Protein backbone atom coordinates (compact mmCIF):
# COMPACT_ATOMS: atom_id res chain seq x y z
CA MET A 1 8.43 5.76 24.39
CA LYS A 2 4.94 7.13 24.01
CA VAL A 3 2.38 6.15 21.36
CA LEU A 4 -0.12 8.78 20.26
CA LYS A 5 -3.09 8.17 17.99
CA LEU A 6 -5.03 11.06 16.56
CA ALA A 7 -7.08 12.05 13.54
CA ALA A 8 -5.61 14.65 11.22
CA VAL A 9 -6.34 16.26 7.87
CA ILE A 10 -3.99 16.64 4.93
CA ASP A 11 -4.49 20.05 3.32
CA ALA A 12 -4.98 20.78 -0.38
CA SER A 13 -1.24 21.16 -0.93
CA GLY A 14 -0.62 17.68 0.47
CA ASN A 15 0.87 18.77 3.80
CA LEU A 16 0.14 17.21 7.16
CA ARG A 17 0.69 19.50 10.13
CA LEU A 18 0.84 18.18 13.66
CA ASP A 19 0.95 20.28 16.82
CA ILE A 20 1.04 17.82 19.70
CA PRO A 21 1.65 18.90 23.29
CA THR A 22 3.61 16.29 25.24
CA GLU A 23 4.71 15.77 28.79
CA LEU A 24 8.26 15.07 27.63
CA SER A 25 11.18 17.23 28.62
CA SER A 26 12.85 19.35 25.96
CA GLY A 27 15.46 17.59 23.86
CA ALA A 28 15.90 15.47 20.77
CA VAL A 29 13.35 12.74 20.04
CA ASP A 30 12.78 10.21 17.29
CA VAL A 31 9.38 10.52 15.63
CA VAL A 32 7.70 7.79 13.58
CA VAL A 33 4.63 8.71 11.54
CA VAL A 34 2.35 6.09 10.00
CA VAL A 35 -0.25 7.53 7.64
CA ASN A 36 -3.30 5.35 7.08
CA PRO A 37 -6.02 6.94 4.91
CA SER A 38 -9.38 6.98 6.71
CA ILE A 39 -11.35 7.04 3.46
CA PRO A 40 -10.40 4.61 0.70
CA ASP A 41 -9.06 6.31 -2.41
CA THR A 42 -11.78 5.65 -5.00
CA SER A 43 -10.07 7.72 -7.69
CA GLN A 44 -7.91 4.75 -8.68
CA THR A 45 -9.02 3.13 -11.89
CA LYS A 46 -10.16 -0.44 -11.54
CA SER A 47 -8.02 -3.02 -13.24
CA TYR A 48 -9.43 -5.13 -16.04
CA ASP A 49 -11.59 -8.06 -14.97
CA PHE A 50 -10.22 -11.08 -16.79
CA SER A 51 -13.04 -13.39 -15.66
CA ASP A 52 -14.68 -13.20 -19.10
CA LEU A 53 -11.59 -14.93 -20.55
CA ALA A 54 -11.73 -17.88 -18.16
CA GLY A 55 -11.86 -21.13 -20.09
CA ARG A 56 -11.46 -19.44 -23.48
CA LEU A 57 -7.69 -19.45 -23.75
CA SER A 58 -5.91 -22.62 -24.73
CA TRP A 59 -2.31 -23.45 -23.86
CA GLN A 60 -0.17 -24.83 -26.64
CA GLY A 61 2.82 -26.79 -25.41
CA ASP A 62 3.81 -28.53 -22.22
CA SER A 63 2.73 -26.32 -19.33
CA ILE A 64 4.71 -28.28 -16.72
CA ALA A 65 7.91 -27.97 -18.78
CA GLN A 66 7.33 -24.22 -19.12
CA ILE A 67 6.84 -23.84 -15.36
CA ARG A 68 10.04 -25.78 -14.66
CA LYS A 69 11.92 -23.64 -17.16
CA LEU A 70 10.73 -20.45 -15.45
CA ARG A 71 11.65 -21.79 -12.01
CA ASP A 72 15.11 -22.81 -13.21
CA GLU A 73 15.75 -19.21 -14.28
CA TRP A 74 15.58 -18.13 -10.64
């Protein structure tokens, strides 16, 4: 088994092309590809920040009984 690490670019159509010379003899091989983005994807929309609601909501009922009920459903 041989582990190779290299930088690559995904083209505009979303394809990743790899041309890797190896010292292996010809024949069938298993290939595992792990894609880890180098630049974080900032196009994702941020989720709502619920911190402004902290302490403003009040629970009506027995919270412990509700938790037990939910756990019993599992």
